[in-house]
Amino acid sequence: MLALKIILIILFVLIFFQDYKERQVYWFLFPLVGLCSGLLFYQSTLPELFLVSIALNSGFIIFLLLIVVLYAKLILKLNVSEAFGLGDALLFISLIFSFSTVSFLTIFVFALCFSLVTHLILKKRSKLKTVPLAGYLSLFFGLSYIAFWAGITNSLYAL
């Protein structure tokens, strides 16, 4: 269990640094994040709740990705690949397995807010033209897991 936690944090750190520095992330990191976070969630909940949470989280992510596609096409008049990175979508999908639905929605929304604020602060210093969203989300989710394991947060899987 400890090894799984360490691997998950290392994966989040790798995704953050690759996305922030190179704007590219190795694809195989995303299924590993899904596997590690899914195993940790599965060990802490009932199998039925695990499956229901995955279904509801999947519905939310599908809805969110549909909104992004429509916004890029209709409002921005861009190809989806110009407005939203594949790594971002892959991270969204890998995070489906992480938490129960209420916790997932709460953490995901706060992670998006964290990403916006972080990008606005760092944009001035680094002159980034695009948002390394997968990197910022990985940083937030990694910090959320660490806060839970360190006892700073009471509950991560049931809100």
Protein backbone atom coordinates (compact mmCIF):
# COMPACT_ATOMS: atom_id res chain seq x y z
CA MET A 1 0.00 0.00 0.00
CA LEU A 2 2.79 2.44 0.84
CA ALA A 3 4.57 1.58 -2.40
CA LEU A 4 1.37 2.30 -4.34
CA LYS A 5 1.07 5.71 -2.68
CA ILE A 6 4.69 6.57 -3.45
CA ILE A 7 4.29 5.48 -7.07
CA LEU A 8 1.14 7.61 -7.44
CA ILE A 9 2.88 10.72 -6.09
CA ILE A 10 5.87 10.10 -8.39
CA LEU A 11 3.48 9.77 -11.35
CA PHE A 12 1.81 13.08 -10.49
CA VAL A 13 5.18 14.79 -10.16
CA LEU A 14 6.35 13.39 -13.51
CA ILE A 15 3.17 14.57 -15.23
CA PHE A 16 3.53 18.02 -13.69
CA PHE A 17 7.15 18.51 -14.73
CA GLN A 18 6.72 17.06 -18.22
CA ASP A 19 3.64 19.13 -18.94
CA TYR A 20 5.08 22.34 -17.49
CA LYS A 21 8.53 22.09 -19.07
CA GLU A 22 8.03 20.17 -22.31
CA ARG A 23 4.27 20.56 -22.94
CA GLN A 24 4.23 16.81 -23.61
CA VAL A 25 3.56 13.92 -21.25
CA TYR A 26 4.33 10.26 -21.82
CA TRP A 27 0.99 8.59 -22.54
CA PHE A 28 1.63 5.53 -20.36
CA LEU A 29 1.68 7.67 -17.20
CA PHE A 30 -2.08 8.25 -17.43
CA PRO A 31 -3.19 4.60 -17.25
CA LEU A 32 -0.75 4.12 -14.37
CA VAL A 33 -2.36 7.03 -12.51
CA GLY A 34 -5.79 5.50 -13.14
CA LEU A 35 -4.60 2.10 -11.94
CA CYS A 36 -2.87 3.34 -8.78
CA SER A 37 -5.61 5.76 -7.76
CA GLY A 38 -8.29 3.19 -8.61
CA LEU A 39 -6.64 0.54 -6.45
CA LEU A 40 -6.35 2.96 -3.53
CA PHE A 41 -10.02 3.94 -3.86
CA TYR A 42 -11.14 0.33 -4.28
CA GLN A 43 -9.31 -0.70 -1.10
CA SER A 44 -11.09 2.00 0.89
CA THR A 45 -14.68 1.46 -0.27
CA LEU A 46 -17.29 -1.14 -1.13
CA PRO A 47 -17.08 -2.70 -4.61
CA GLU A 48 -20.61 -1.53 -5.44
CA LEU A 49 -19.84 2.07 -4.47
CA PHE A 50 -16.61 1.88 -6.47
CA LEU A 51 -18.49 0.87 -9.64
CA VAL A 52 -21.26 3.44 -9.16
CA SER A 53 -18.68 6.17 -8.55
CA ILE A 54 -16.78 5.27 -11.71
CA ALA A 55 -20.02 5.37 -13.73
CA LEU A 56 -21.05 8.78 -12.35
CA ASN A 57 -17.54 10.22 -12.63
CA SER A 58 -17.39 8.99 -16.24
CA GLY A 59 -20.66 10.72 -17.01
CA PHE A 60 -19.35 13.98 -15.57
CA ILE A 61 -16.08 13.79 -17.54
CA ILE A 62 -17.90 12.90 -20.78
CA PHE A 63 -20.20 15.89 -20.24
CA LEU A 64 -17.24 18.16 -19.49
CA LEU A 65 -15.31 17.01 -22.56
CA LEU A 66 -18.40 17.52 -24.72
CA ILE A 67 -18.70 21.09 -23.45
CA VAL A 68 -15.02 21.70 -24.22
CA VAL A 69 -15.42 20.35 -27.76
CA LEU A 70 -18.53 22.45 -28.40
CA TYR A 71 -16.96 25.57 -26.93
CA ALA A 72 -13.80 25.15 -29.03
CA LYS A 73 -15.76 24.57 -32.24
CA LEU A 74 -18.63 27.03 -31.84
CA ILE A 75 -17.26 29.88 -29.75
CA LEU A 76 -13.49 29.85 -30.30
CA LYS A 77 -13.73 28.57 -33.89
CA LEU A 78 -10.69 26.33 -33.30
CA ASN A 79 -9.94 22.68 -33.67
CA VAL A 80 -10.26 20.92 -30.36
CA SER A 81 -6.55 20.04 -30.43
CA GLU A 82 -5.70 23.76 -30.55
CA ALA A 83 -7.83 24.57 -27.51
CA PHE A 84 -7.41 21.48 -25.35
CA GLY A 85 -4.56 19.00 -25.12
CA LEU A 86 -4.81 15.25 -25.40
CA GLY A 87 -2.87 14.92 -22.16
CA ASP A 88 -5.50 16.98 -20.38
CA ALA A 89 -8.26 14.67 -21.61
CA LEU A 90 -6.25 11.56 -20.70
CA LEU A 91 -5.69 12.89 -17.19
CA PHE A 92 -9.41 13.63 -16.82
CA ILE A 93 -10.16 10.05 -17.81
CA SER A 94 -7.51 8.56 -15.51
CA LEU A 95 -8.87 10.53 -12.55
CA ILE A 96 -12.32 8.95 -12.97
CA PHE A 97 -11.13 6.05 -10.80
CA SER A 98 -9.83 8.22 -7.95
CA PHE A 99 -12.71 9.10 -5.64
CA SER A 100 -16.39 8.78 -4.83
CA THR A 101 -18.49 11.11 -6.94
CA VAL A 102 -19.05 13.92 -4.44
CA SER A 103 -15.37 13.96 -3.48
CA PHE A 104 -14.35 13.75 -7.13
CA LEU A 105 -16.53 16.69 -8.15
CA THR A 106 -15.39 18.80 -5.21
CA ILE A 107 -11.69 18.09 -5.68
CA PHE A 108 -11.92 18.42 -9.46
CA VAL A 109 -13.57 21.86 -9.29
CA PHE A 110 -11.04 23.09 -6.74
CA ALA A 111 -8.24 21.66 -8.89
CA LEU A 112 -9.51 23.63 -11.89
CA CYS A 113 -9.65 26.82 -9.78
CA PHE A 114 -6.15 26.08 -8.48
CA SER A 115 -4.96 25.62 -12.08
CA LEU A 116 -6.40 28.97 -13.12
CA VAL A 117 -4.87 30.89 -10.22
CA THR A 118 -1.51 29.11 -10.57
CA HIS A 119 -1.39 29.80 -14.29
CA LEU A 120 -2.22 33.48 -13.82
CA ILE A 121 0.54 33.83 -11.23
CA LEU A 122 3.18 31.87 -13.16
CA LYS A 123 2.23 33.32 -16.54
CA LYS A 124 3.84 36.64 -15.66
CA ARG A 125 7.20 35.02 -14.92
CA SER A 126 7.42 32.28 -17.51
CA LYS A 127 5.51 33.78 -20.48
CA LEU A 128 3.50 30.59 -21.02
CA LYS A 129 1.15 30.87 -23.98
CA THR A 130 -0.89 27.76 -23.21
CA VAL A 131 -2.08 26.31 -19.93
CA PRO A 132 -0.32 23.13 -18.74
CA LEU A 133 -3.63 21.93 -17.30
CA ALA A 134 -2.64 18.29 -16.83
CA GLY A 135 0.43 19.45 -14.93
CA TYR A 136 -1.45 21.79 -12.65
CA LEU A 137 -4.19 19.22 -11.98
CA SER A 138 -1.55 16.59 -11.20
CA LEU A 139 0.09 18.94 -8.74
CA PHE A 140 -3.23 19.61 -7.00
CA PHE A 141 -4.30 15.97 -6.88
CA GLY A 142 -0.86 14.95 -5.60
CA LEU A 143 -1.06 17.57 -2.86
CA SER A 144 -4.59 16.42 -2.00
CA TYR A 145 -3.43 12.84 -1.57
CA ILE A 146 -0.44 13.93 0.53
CA ALA A 147 -2.70 16.09 2.75
CA PHE A 148 -4.98 13.11 3.33
CA TRP A 149 -2.17 10.67 4.07
CA ALA A 150 -0.49 13.17 6.40
CA GLY A 151 -3.71 13.61 8.37
CA ILE A 152 -4.29 17.22 7.33
CA THR A 153 -7.56 16.30 5.61
CA ASN A 154 -9.99 14.01 7.42
CA SER A 155 -11.61 12.26 4.51
CA LEU A 156 -10.68 12.01 0.87
CA TYR A 157 -12.90 9.20 -0.34
CA ALA A 158 -16.19 10.15 1.30
CA LEU A 159 -17.27 13.74 1.57
